[in-house]
N, C-alpha and C. Protein backbone atom coordinates (compact mmCIF):
# COMPACT_ATOMS: atom_id res chain seq x y z
N UNK A 1 3.37 -15.99 11.97
CA UNK A 1 2.61 -15.56 10.43
C UNK A 1 2.90 -14.73 9.36
N UNK A 2 2.15 -15.60 8.41
CA UNK A 2 2.80 -14.73 7.34
C UNK A 2 1.72 -14.04 6.35
N UNK A 3 2.08 -12.91 5.64
CA UNK A 3 0.92 -12.14 5.10
C UNK A 3 1.31 -12.67 3.78
N UNK A 4 -0.09 -13.02 2.68
CA UNK A 4 0.23 -13.46 1.39
C UNK A 4 0.08 -12.01 0.74
N UNK A 5 0.75 -11.65 0.13
CA UNK A 5 0.27 -10.42 -1.04
C UNK A 5 -0.64 -10.66 -2.50
N UNK A 6 -1.39 -12.33 -2.61
CA UNK A 6 -2.24 -12.79 -3.73
C UNK A 6 -3.61 -12.01 -2.70
N UNK A 7 -4.09 -11.13 -4.36
CA UNK A 7 -5.02 -10.72 -4.67
C UNK A 7 -6.15 -11.56 -5.55
N UNK A 8 -6.95 -11.87 -5.17
CA UNK A 8 -8.32 -12.11 -5.86
C UNK A 8 -8.51 -11.56 -6.80
N UNK A 9 -8.61 -11.93 -7.92
CA UNK A 9 -9.19 -11.08 -9.47
C UNK A 9 -10.42 -12.17 -9.75
N UNK A 10 -11.58 -11.11 -10.59
CA UNK A 10 -12.79 -12.21 -11.31
C UNK A 10 -11.84 -12.61 -12.22
N UNK A 11 -12.22 -13.57 -12.97
CA UNK A 11 -11.62 -14.66 -14.20
C UNK A 11 -11.25 -14.00 -15.09
N UNK A 12 -11.81 -12.95 -15.93
CA UNK A 12 -11.49 -12.41 -17.06
C UNK A 12 -10.29 -11.75 -16.94
N UNK A 13 -10.49 -11.02 -15.56
CA UNK A 13 -9.27 -9.68 -15.43
C UNK A 13 -7.62 -10.67 -15.06
N UNK A 14 -7.94 -11.63 -14.64
CA UNK A 14 -7.37 -12.13 -13.79
C UNK A 14 -6.62 -13.40 -14.95
N UNK A 15 -7.15 -13.48 -16.38
CA UNK A 15 -6.71 -14.33 -17.44
C UNK A 15 -6.37 -13.22 -18.04
N UNK A 16 -6.36 -11.64 -17.81
CA UNK A 16 -5.74 -11.18 -18.85
C UNK A 16 -4.33 -10.73 -18.10
N UNK A 17 -4.27 -10.85 -17.04
CA UNK A 17 -3.54 -10.39 -16.68
C UNK A 17 -2.22 -11.75 -16.50
N UNK A 18 -3.16 -13.00 -16.94
CA UNK A 18 -1.59 -13.98 -17.10
C UNK A 18 -1.75 -14.11 -18.47
N UNK A 19 -2.06 -13.46 -19.19
CA UNK A 19 -1.67 -13.00 -20.78
C UNK A 19 -0.78 -12.27 -20.93
N UNK A 20 -0.83 -11.23 -20.08
CA UNK A 20 -0.28 -10.19 -20.22
C UNK A 20 1.04 -10.25 -19.27
N UNK A 21 1.43 -11.49 -18.14
CA UNK A 21 2.58 -12.27 -17.82
C UNK A 21 3.07 -13.16 -18.13
N UNK A 22 2.77 -13.30 -19.23
CA UNK A 22 2.79 -14.81 -20.12
C UNK A 22 2.71 -15.84 -19.47
N UNK A 23 1.72 -16.18 -18.80
CA UNK A 23 1.91 -17.19 -17.69
C UNK A 23 0.26 -18.23 -18.15
N UNK A 24 -0.21 -18.05 -19.22
CA UNK A 24 -1.45 -18.52 -19.24
C UNK A 24 -1.80 -18.16 -20.73
N UNK A 25 -2.12 -18.91 -21.92
CA UNK A 25 -3.07 -18.54 -23.18
C UNK A 25 -4.13 -18.09 -23.19
N UNK A 26 -4.57 -18.13 -24.32
CA UNK A 26 -6.21 -17.20 -24.12
C UNK A 26 -7.29 -18.69 -23.44
N UNK A 27 -7.39 -19.48 -23.44
CA UNK A 27 -8.38 -20.34 -23.14
C UNK A 27 -9.18 -19.93 -22.12
N UNK A 28 -8.56 -19.13 -21.22
CA UNK A 28 -9.81 -19.03 -20.30
C UNK A 28 -10.30 -18.09 -20.41
N UNK A 29 -10.42 -17.40 -21.01
CA UNK A 29 -10.82 -15.78 -21.93
C UNK A 29 -12.41 -16.23 -22.54
N UNK A 30 -13.73 -15.23 -21.75
CA UNK A 30 -14.70 -16.06 -22.49
C UNK A 30 -14.88 -15.86 -23.87
N UNK A 31 -15.33 -16.74 -24.68
CA UNK A 31 -15.79 -17.27 -25.92
C UNK A 31 -17.47 -16.27 -26.13
N UNK A 32 -17.36 -15.07 -25.94
CA UNK A 32 -18.98 -14.68 -26.24
C UNK A 32 -18.87 -13.34 -26.84
N UNK A 33 -20.05 -13.10 -28.16
CA UNK A 33 -19.40 -12.04 -28.92
C UNK A 33 -18.82 -10.54 -28.15
N UNK A 34 -19.62 -10.06 -27.21
CA UNK A 34 -20.12 -9.67 -26.05
C UNK A 34 -18.24 -8.62 -25.71
N UNK A 35 -18.16 -9.93 -25.16
CA UNK A 35 -15.88 -9.90 -25.23
C UNK A 35 -15.19 -10.10 -26.43
N UNK A 36 -15.94 -9.78 -27.35
CA UNK A 36 -15.39 -9.84 -28.57
C UNK A 36 -15.39 -8.34 -28.74
N UNK A 37 -16.62 -7.78 -28.98
CA UNK A 37 -16.77 -6.33 -29.28
C UNK A 37 -16.07 -5.32 -28.48
N UNK A 38 -16.47 -5.85 -26.70
CA UNK A 38 -15.88 -4.59 -25.82
C UNK A 38 -13.87 -4.66 -26.33
N UNK A 39 -13.54 -5.88 -26.28
CA UNK A 39 -12.30 -5.69 -26.46
C UNK A 39 -11.51 -5.07 -27.90
N UNK A 40 -12.19 -5.61 -28.93
CA UNK A 40 -12.29 -5.09 -30.29
C UNK A 40 -12.84 -3.42 -30.58
N UNK A 41 -13.65 -2.72 -29.19
CA UNK A 41 -13.75 -1.30 -29.33
C UNK A 41 -12.61 -0.96 -28.51
N UNK A 42 -12.64 -1.61 -27.67
CA UNK A 42 -11.38 -1.07 -26.46
C UNK A 42 -9.84 -1.39 -27.62
N UNK A 43 -9.48 -2.15 -27.85
CA UNK A 43 -8.37 -1.81 -29.20
C UNK A 43 -8.49 -0.90 -29.85
N UNK A 44 -9.41 -0.45 -29.91
CA UNK A 44 -9.87 1.02 -31.83
C UNK A 44 -9.58 1.68 -30.69
N UNK A 45 -10.22 1.93 -30.01
CA UNK A 45 -9.89 3.07 -28.65
C UNK A 45 -8.72 3.58 -28.51
N UNK A 46 -7.65 2.66 -27.72
CA UNK A 46 -6.92 3.08 -27.71
C UNK A 46 -5.38 3.33 -28.93
N UNK A 47 -5.58 2.37 -30.08
CA UNK A 47 -5.00 2.67 -30.96
C UNK A 47 -4.52 4.11 -31.43
N UNK A 48 -5.87 4.51 -31.29
CA UNK A 48 -7.03 5.83 -32.17
C UNK A 48 -6.21 6.49 -31.51
N UNK A 49 -6.37 6.60 -30.16
CA UNK A 49 -5.28 7.34 -29.26
C UNK A 49 -4.26 7.96 -28.72
N UNK A 50 -3.47 6.58 -29.25
CA UNK A 50 -2.35 6.58 -29.04
C UNK A 50 -1.85 7.55 -30.51
N UNK A 51 -1.98 7.14 -31.39
CA UNK A 51 -2.23 7.98 -33.05
C UNK A 51 -2.66 9.27 -32.60
N UNK A 52 -3.34 9.80 -31.60
CA UNK A 52 -3.50 10.53 -31.76
C UNK A 52 -3.30 12.24 -31.07
N UNK A 53 -2.01 11.73 -30.37
CA UNK A 53 -1.00 12.47 -29.28
C UNK A 53 -0.01 12.94 -30.52
N UNK A 54 0.02 12.68 -31.59
CA UNK A 54 0.77 12.96 -32.71
C UNK A 54 0.20 13.57 -34.38
N UNK A 55 -0.79 13.19 -34.32
CA UNK A 55 -1.06 13.04 -35.66
C UNK A 55 -2.83 13.53 -35.56
N UNK A 56 -3.23 14.09 -36.83
CA UNK A 56 -4.80 14.80 -36.54
C UNK A 56 -5.84 13.15 -35.65
N UNK A 57 -6.57 13.70 -36.08
CA UNK A 57 -8.09 12.80 -35.19
C UNK A 57 -8.60 12.13 -36.17
N UNK A 58 -8.72 12.31 -37.44
CA UNK A 58 -9.24 11.63 -38.75
C UNK A 58 -8.24 10.35 -39.53
N UNK A 59 -7.08 10.79 -39.33
CA UNK A 59 -5.89 9.59 -39.38
C UNK A 59 -6.36 8.72 -38.37
N UNK A 60 -5.78 9.38 -37.15
CA UNK A 60 -5.70 8.30 -35.92
C UNK A 60 -6.96 7.44 -35.90
N UNK A 61 -8.50 7.62 -35.81
CA UNK A 61 -9.52 6.61 -36.04
C UNK A 61 -9.31 5.75 -37.15
N UNK A 62 -8.92 6.62 -38.17
CA UNK A 62 -9.16 5.30 -39.39
C UNK A 62 -7.88 4.66 -39.03
N UNK A 63 -6.39 4.77 -38.45
CA UNK A 63 -5.87 4.09 -38.03
C UNK A 63 -6.15 3.04 -37.02
N UNK A 64 -7.03 3.11 -36.49
CA UNK A 64 -7.13 2.24 -35.32
C UNK A 64 -8.52 1.31 -35.84
N UNK A 65 -9.28 1.94 -36.75
CA UNK A 65 -10.51 1.09 -36.95
C UNK A 65 -9.79 -0.24 -38.34
N UNK A 66 -8.66 0.10 -38.93
CA UNK A 66 -8.23 -0.56 -39.82
C UNK A 66 -7.20 -1.38 -39.66
N UNK A 67 -6.43 -1.29 -38.46
CA UNK A 67 -5.74 -2.13 -37.19
C UNK A 67 -6.28 -3.39 -36.81
N UNK A 68 -7.41 -2.44 -36.46
CA UNK A 68 -8.31 -4.25 -35.52
C UNK A 68 -8.95 -4.57 -36.99
N UNK A 69 -9.23 -4.04 -38.00
CA UNK A 69 -9.67 -4.95 -39.29
C UNK A 69 -8.17 -6.12 -39.20
N UNK A 70 -7.34 -5.19 -39.00
CA UNK A 70 -6.02 -6.65 -40.14
C UNK A 70 -5.63 -7.41 -39.06
N UNK A 71 -6.21 -7.02 -37.66
CA UNK A 71 -5.65 -7.88 -36.41
C UNK A 71 -6.72 -8.78 -36.48
N UNK A 72 -8.52 -9.42 -37.28
CA UNK A 72 -8.98 -9.58 -37.02
C UNK A 72 -8.97 -10.17 -38.15
N UNK A 73 -8.90 -10.14 -39.11
CA UNK A 73 -8.35 -11.03 -40.54
C UNK A 73 -7.59 -11.92 -40.23
N UNK A 74 -6.10 -11.30 -40.17
CA UNK A 74 -4.66 -12.54 -39.55
C UNK A 74 -5.24 -13.72 -38.87
N UNK A 75 -5.47 -12.67 -38.11
CA UNK A 75 -5.92 -14.06 -36.65
C UNK A 75 -7.22 -14.95 -37.31
N UNK A 76 -8.47 -14.56 -37.95
CA UNK A 76 -8.72 -15.36 -38.92
C UNK A 76 -8.89 -16.31 -39.58
N UNK A 77 -7.91 -16.00 -40.70
CA UNK A 77 -6.63 -16.66 -41.89
C UNK A 77 -5.48 -17.19 -41.15
N UNK A 78 -4.98 -17.12 -39.73
CA UNK A 78 -3.82 -17.91 -39.52
C UNK A 78 -4.59 -19.23 -39.04
N UNK A 79 -5.86 -18.72 -38.27
CA UNK A 79 -6.38 -20.37 -37.00
C UNK A 79 -6.85 -21.00 -38.09
N UNK A 80 -7.22 -20.52 -39.36
CA UNK A 80 -8.23 -21.50 -40.10
C UNK A 80 -6.98 -22.13 -41.27
N UNK A 81 -6.22 -21.63 -41.69
CA UNK A 81 -5.07 -22.55 -41.96
C UNK A 81 -4.34 -23.01 -41.51
N UNK A 82 -4.38 -23.20 -39.48
CA UNK A 82 -3.92 -24.14 -38.93
C UNK A 82 -4.77 -25.06 -38.06
N UNK A 83 -6.38 -24.56 -39.21
CA UNK A 83 -7.31 -25.89 -38.95
C UNK A 83 -8.25 -26.02 -37.71
N UNK A 84 -7.61 -24.73 -36.43
CA UNK A 84 -7.87 -24.56 -35.44
C UNK A 84 -9.06 -23.08 -35.37
N UNK A 85 -10.33 -22.82 -36.00
CA UNK A 85 -10.96 -21.77 -36.11
C UNK A 85 -11.77 -22.09 -35.33
N UNK A 86 -12.13 -23.02 -34.36
CA UNK A 86 -12.93 -22.70 -33.63
C UNK A 86 -12.36 -22.11 -31.62
N UNK A 87 -10.87 -21.36 -32.49
CA UNK A 87 -10.41 -21.29 -31.41
C UNK A 87 -10.57 -19.14 -31.54
N UNK A 88 -11.13 -19.08 -32.80
CA UNK A 88 -10.95 -17.67 -33.31
C UNK A 88 -11.69 -16.69 -32.17
N UNK A 89 -12.51 -17.04 -31.26
CA UNK A 89 -13.29 -16.02 -30.91
C UNK A 89 -11.68 -15.42 -29.60
N UNK A 90 -11.57 -17.18 -29.16
CA UNK A 90 -11.10 -16.77 -28.07
C UNK A 90 -9.57 -16.05 -27.83
N UNK A 91 -8.91 -15.95 -29.18
CA UNK A 91 -7.48 -15.54 -29.49
C UNK A 91 -7.70 -14.18 -29.75
N UNK A 92 -8.94 -13.81 -30.49
CA UNK A 92 -9.07 -12.62 -30.82
C UNK A 92 -9.21 -11.03 -29.69
N UNK A 93 -9.85 -12.59 -28.79
CA UNK A 93 -10.47 -11.59 -28.00
C UNK A 93 -8.86 -10.95 -26.71
N UNK A 94 -7.81 -12.18 -26.62
CA UNK A 94 -7.29 -12.37 -26.25
C UNK A 94 -6.13 -10.76 -26.46
N UNK A 95 -6.28 -10.85 -28.41
CA UNK A 95 -5.29 -10.38 -28.86
C UNK A 95 -5.98 -8.32 -28.67
N UNK A 96 -6.94 -8.51 -28.51
CA UNK A 96 -7.78 -7.19 -28.70
C UNK A 96 -7.32 -6.78 -27.72
N UNK A 97 -7.71 -7.11 -26.69
CA UNK A 97 -7.36 -6.54 -25.23
C UNK A 97 -6.41 -6.64 -24.23
N UNK A 98 -5.38 -7.19 -24.98
CA UNK A 98 -3.64 -7.21 -24.48
C UNK A 98 -3.50 -6.19 -24.77
N UNK A 99 -3.32 -6.05 -26.63
CA UNK A 99 -3.34 -4.92 -27.01
C UNK A 99 -3.75 -3.28 -26.82
N UNK A 100 -5.34 -3.24 -26.35
CA UNK A 100 -5.81 -2.25 -25.88
C UNK A 100 -4.97 -2.23 -24.30
N UNK A 101 -4.85 -2.78 -23.00
CA UNK A 101 -3.82 -2.68 -22.50
C UNK A 101 -2.84 -1.79 -22.36
N UNK A 102 -1.86 -2.47 -23.48
CA UNK A 102 -0.72 -1.85 -23.60
C UNK A 102 -0.58 -0.41 -24.36
N UNK A 103 -2.01 -0.37 -25.03
CA UNK A 103 -2.41 0.55 -25.80
C UNK A 103 -2.44 1.94 -24.95
N UNK A 104 -2.82 1.73 -23.75
CA UNK A 104 -3.33 2.03 -22.52
C UNK A 104 -2.24 3.06 -22.52
N UNK A 105 -1.56 1.72 -21.69
CA UNK A 105 0.36 2.16 -20.90
C UNK A 105 0.78 2.95 -21.54
N UNK A 106 1.00 2.78 -22.97
CA UNK A 106 1.92 4.07 -23.89
C UNK A 106 1.51 4.99 -24.14
N UNK A 107 -0.53 4.84 -24.19
CA UNK A 107 -1.10 6.94 -24.29
C UNK A 107 -0.59 7.38 -22.81
N UNK A 108 -0.54 6.46 -21.42
CA UNK A 108 -0.12 7.27 -20.44
C UNK A 108 1.29 7.97 -20.47
N UNK A 109 2.31 6.54 -20.61
CA UNK A 109 3.87 6.90 -20.35
C UNK A 109 3.81 8.45 -21.86
N UNK A 110 3.06 8.32 -22.73
CA UNK A 110 3.82 9.37 -23.76
C UNK A 110 3.02 10.76 -23.10
N UNK A 111 2.05 10.87 -22.71
CA UNK A 111 1.85 11.36 -21.66
C UNK A 111 2.59 12.08 -20.29
N UNK A 112 2.94 11.58 -20.11
CA UNK A 112 4.00 11.77 -18.75
C UNK A 112 5.20 12.14 -19.17
N UNK A 113 6.16 11.57 -20.22
CA UNK A 113 7.28 12.01 -21.11
C UNK A 113 6.93 13.54 -21.56
N UNK A 114 5.95 13.55 -22.70
CA UNK A 114 5.77 14.65 -22.79
C UNK A 114 5.09 16.08 -21.62
N UNK A 115 5.33 15.60 -20.89
CA UNK A 115 4.87 16.65 -19.76
C UNK A 115 5.86 16.75 -18.80
N UNK A 116 7.06 15.73 -18.55
CA UNK A 116 8.30 15.74 -17.92
C UNK A 116 8.81 16.81 -18.69
N UNK A 117 9.30 16.63 -19.83
CA UNK A 117 10.34 16.97 -21.10
C UNK A 117 9.62 18.24 -21.97
N UNK A 118 9.28 19.41 -21.51
CA UNK A 118 8.86 20.79 -22.44
C UNK A 118 8.96 20.58 -23.73
N UNK A 119 8.10 21.16 -24.25
CA UNK A 119 8.18 21.16 -26.05
C UNK A 119 9.42 21.87 -26.54
N UNK A 120 10.44 22.68 -26.17
CA UNK A 120 11.91 22.70 -26.45
C UNK A 120 12.93 21.63 -26.57
N UNK A 121 12.47 20.47 -25.91
CA UNK A 121 13.17 19.25 -25.94
C UNK A 121 12.44 18.40 -26.93
N UNK A 122 12.94 17.53 -27.72
CA UNK A 122 12.56 17.00 -28.39
C UNK A 122 11.34 15.93 -27.50
N UNK A 123 10.62 16.10 -27.02
CA UNK A 123 9.92 14.45 -26.79
C UNK A 123 9.38 13.50 -27.50
N UNK A 124 9.12 13.80 -28.48
CA UNK A 124 8.66 12.83 -29.46
C UNK A 124 9.48 11.82 -29.81
N UNK A 125 11.21 12.39 -29.59
CA UNK A 125 12.16 11.03 -30.26
C UNK A 125 12.42 10.60 -28.56
N UNK A 126 11.50 11.18 -27.79
CA UNK A 126 12.15 10.69 -25.79
C UNK A 126 10.68 9.74 -26.44
N UNK A 127 9.71 9.81 -26.61
CA UNK A 127 8.63 9.02 -26.58
C UNK A 127 9.04 7.58 -26.66
N UNK A 128 9.44 8.00 -28.16
CA UNK A 128 10.09 6.46 -29.18
C UNK A 128 10.93 5.84 -28.75
N UNK A 129 11.56 6.19 -27.98
CA UNK A 129 13.22 5.74 -26.95
C UNK A 129 12.28 5.15 -25.52
N UNK A 130 11.68 5.92 -25.61
CA UNK A 130 10.75 5.24 -24.14
C UNK A 130 10.01 4.14 -24.55
N UNK A 131 8.48 4.30 -25.34
CA UNK A 131 8.21 3.41 -26.01
C UNK A 131 8.06 1.85 -26.60
N UNK A 132 9.76 1.80 -27.29
CA UNK A 132 10.06 0.86 -28.21
C UNK A 132 9.80 -0.59 -27.28
N UNK A 133 10.23 -0.48 -25.60
CA UNK A 133 10.02 -1.40 -24.56
C UNK A 133 8.73 -2.20 -24.77
N UNK A 134 7.85 -1.18 -24.60
CA UNK A 134 6.24 -1.69 -25.16
C UNK A 134 5.83 -2.30 -26.06
N UNK A 135 6.51 -1.76 -28.15
CA UNK A 135 6.67 -2.33 -28.26
C UNK A 135 6.87 -3.69 -29.02
N UNK A 136 8.13 -3.71 -27.96
CA UNK A 136 8.87 -5.61 -27.96
C UNK A 136 7.94 -6.11 -26.92
N UNK A 137 7.36 -5.70 -26.03
CA UNK A 137 6.10 -6.21 -24.94
C UNK A 137 4.91 -7.17 -25.55
N UNK A 138 4.60 -5.82 -26.65
CA UNK A 138 3.29 -6.61 -27.58
C UNK A 138 3.80 -7.51 -28.36
N UNK A 139 4.84 -7.21 -28.89
CA UNK A 139 5.04 -8.43 -29.93
C UNK A 139 5.56 -10.29 -29.42
N UNK A 140 5.63 -9.74 -28.11
CA UNK A 140 5.88 -11.22 -27.12
C UNK A 140 4.65 -11.23 -26.80
N UNK A 141 4.09 -10.80 -26.50
CA UNK A 141 2.31 -11.33 -26.45
C UNK A 141 1.52 -11.37 -27.12
N UNK A 142 1.85 -10.81 -28.67
CA UNK A 142 1.36 -11.18 -29.37
C UNK A 142 1.65 -12.74 -30.17
N UNK A 143 3.06 -12.86 -29.47
CA UNK A 143 3.60 -14.25 -30.04
C UNK A 143 3.46 -15.18 -29.43
N UNK A 144 3.33 -15.07 -27.79
CA UNK A 144 2.67 -15.61 -26.69
C UNK A 144 1.11 -16.94 -26.88
N UNK A 145 0.22 -15.92 -27.43
CA UNK A 145 -0.90 -15.82 -27.80
C UNK A 145 -1.07 -16.77 -28.62
N UNK A 146 -0.39 -15.90 -29.77
CA UNK A 146 -0.41 -16.97 -31.48
C UNK A 146 -0.72 -18.35 -31.19
N UNK A 147 0.91 -18.52 -30.45
CA UNK A 147 1.94 -19.83 -30.22
C UNK A 147 0.71 -20.37 -29.36
N UNK A 148 -0.02 -20.61 -28.11
CA UNK A 148 -0.97 -21.03 -27.54
C UNK A 148 -2.38 -20.50 -27.99
N UNK A 149 -2.47 -20.38 -28.63
CA UNK A 149 -3.77 -20.98 -30.35
C UNK A 149 -3.36 -21.74 -31.21
N UNK A 150 -2.97 -22.87 -31.21
CA UNK A 150 -2.25 -23.92 -31.79
C UNK A 150 -1.10 -23.61 -33.03
N UNK A 151 -1.26 -22.31 -33.12
CA UNK A 151 0.45 -22.41 -34.08
C UNK A 151 1.73 -22.49 -33.69
N UNK A 152 2.37 -23.02 -34.48
CA UNK A 152 3.57 -23.03 -34.38
C UNK A 152 4.93 -22.14 -33.97
N UNK A 153 5.80 -22.08 -33.60
CA UNK A 153 6.04 -20.68 -33.40
C UNK A 153 7.12 -20.16 -33.69
N UNK A 154 7.76 -20.30 -35.70
CA UNK A 154 7.91 -19.76 -36.55
C UNK A 154 6.78 -19.28 -37.53
N UNK A 155 5.50 -19.47 -37.42
CA UNK A 155 4.34 -18.68 -37.99
C UNK A 155 4.01 -17.30 -36.86
N UNK A 156 3.87 -18.28 -35.20
CA UNK A 156 3.53 -17.05 -34.70
C UNK A 156 4.78 -16.11 -34.76
N UNK A 157 5.73 -16.26 -34.47
CA UNK A 157 6.64 -15.48 -34.98
C UNK A 157 6.49 -14.43 -36.34
N UNK A 158 6.30 -14.81 -36.88
CA UNK A 158 6.06 -14.22 -38.05
C UNK A 158 5.10 -13.56 -38.41
N UNK A 159 3.50 -13.97 -37.88
CA UNK A 159 2.25 -12.92 -38.06
C UNK A 159 2.77 -11.90 -36.75
N UNK A 160 3.21 -12.32 -35.47
CA UNK A 160 3.75 -11.03 -34.74
C UNK A 160 4.07 -9.97 -35.31
N UNK A 161 5.59 -10.48 -35.56
CA UNK A 161 6.41 -9.15 -36.29
C UNK A 161 6.05 -8.72 -38.09
N UNK A 162 4.87 -9.63 -38.40
CA UNK A 162 4.31 -9.00 -39.79
C UNK A 162 3.11 -7.85 -39.57
N UNK A 163 2.35 -8.33 -38.08
CA UNK A 163 1.41 -7.08 -38.04
C UNK A 163 1.73 -6.19 -37.25
N UNK A 164 3.19 -6.45 -35.84
CA UNK A 164 3.16 -5.16 -35.42
C UNK A 164 4.35 -4.37 -36.26
N UNK A 165 4.72 -4.67 -37.49
CA UNK A 165 5.90 -3.78 -38.08
C UNK A 165 5.04 -3.25 -38.95
N UNK A 166 4.23 -3.93 -39.71
CA UNK A 166 2.93 -3.26 -40.52
C UNK A 166 2.41 -1.95 -39.77
N UNK A 167 1.64 -2.41 -38.66
CA UNK A 167 0.96 -0.83 -38.36
C UNK A 167 1.32 0.20 -37.97
N UNK A 168 2.67 -0.21 -37.28
CA UNK A 168 3.98 0.55 -36.77
C UNK A 168 4.66 1.48 -37.85
N UNK A 169 4.97 0.67 -38.60
CA UNK A 169 5.85 1.51 -39.72
C UNK A 169 5.54 1.82 -41.02
N UNK A 170 4.33 0.74 -41.33
CA UNK A 170 3.68 1.52 -42.85
C UNK A 170 2.50 1.70 -42.65
N UNK A 171 0.73 1.15 -42.04
CA UNK A 171 0.31 2.09 -42.15
C UNK A 171 -0.10 3.72 -40.65
N UNK A 172 0.58 3.87 -40.44
CA UNK A 172 0.72 4.85 -39.88
C UNK A 172 1.22 5.93 -40.84
N UNK A 173 2.26 5.46 -40.98
CA UNK A 173 3.01 7.31 -41.98
C UNK A 173 1.96 7.07 -43.50
N UNK A 174 1.19 5.97 -43.58
CA UNK A 174 1.04 6.18 -44.98
C UNK A 174 -0.47 6.46 -44.51
N UNK A 175 -1.26 6.20 -43.52
CA UNK A 175 -2.69 7.24 -43.75
C UNK A 175 -2.24 8.50 -43.33
N UNK A 176 -1.11 8.80 -42.67
CA UNK A 176 -1.31 10.41 -42.31
C UNK A 176 -0.64 10.99 -43.53
N UNK A 177 -0.51 10.00 -44.21
CA UNK A 177 -0.09 10.94 -45.92
C UNK A 177 -0.85 11.03 -46.99
N UNK A 178 -2.15 10.12 -46.67
CA UNK A 178 -2.81 10.08 -47.20
C UNK A 178 -3.83 10.64 -47.04
N UNK A 179 -4.23 11.56 -45.57
CA UNK A 179 -4.70 12.24 -45.30
C UNK A 179 -4.23 13.79 -44.84
N UNK A 180 -3.55 13.86 -44.98
CA UNK A 180 -2.69 15.52 -45.78
C UNK A 180 -2.97 15.86 -46.90
N UNK A 181 -3.22 15.26 -47.92
CA UNK A 181 -3.69 15.44 -48.95
C UNK A 181 -5.52 15.97 -49.08
N UNK A 182 -6.21 15.39 -48.35
CA UNK A 182 -7.46 15.73 -48.06
C UNK A 182 -7.56 17.39 -47.92
């Protein structure tokens, strides 16, 4: 007698789990406006929440909003150039939903590391070290989603690298500096 460890999930959570495990593309996700707005809202909240752990609330909220707008614009532009604009909604739902899940995991890990290592320890440097694999995971998932949305490997790689590199290395410090003048 064998016991099966599989759990039956509803279609959307199963599709998201398959995306994060790099086993499926964005096609099984719903192509509805409600799913799009929920996933974008979750993405904005988790991106802003991750930033608010180390920055003030106003630049964190602006960071969340700008990163979501950039993700939507980049996805729309790339799929329009590829001639597959009809896949925009599902692709953006996939990108925003997986980004929100990875963002939530990074927030939880940041809080855990900050609790384990009290303030005299350089907790933020340790958090950056611990979260680097999550940045690579997010890059890989975005690459996977772009690749399965009819983009070739090199453009999908470039879009993922440019987007993640821009929001982490340019947008975040830029907003902190801009809002420090206010």
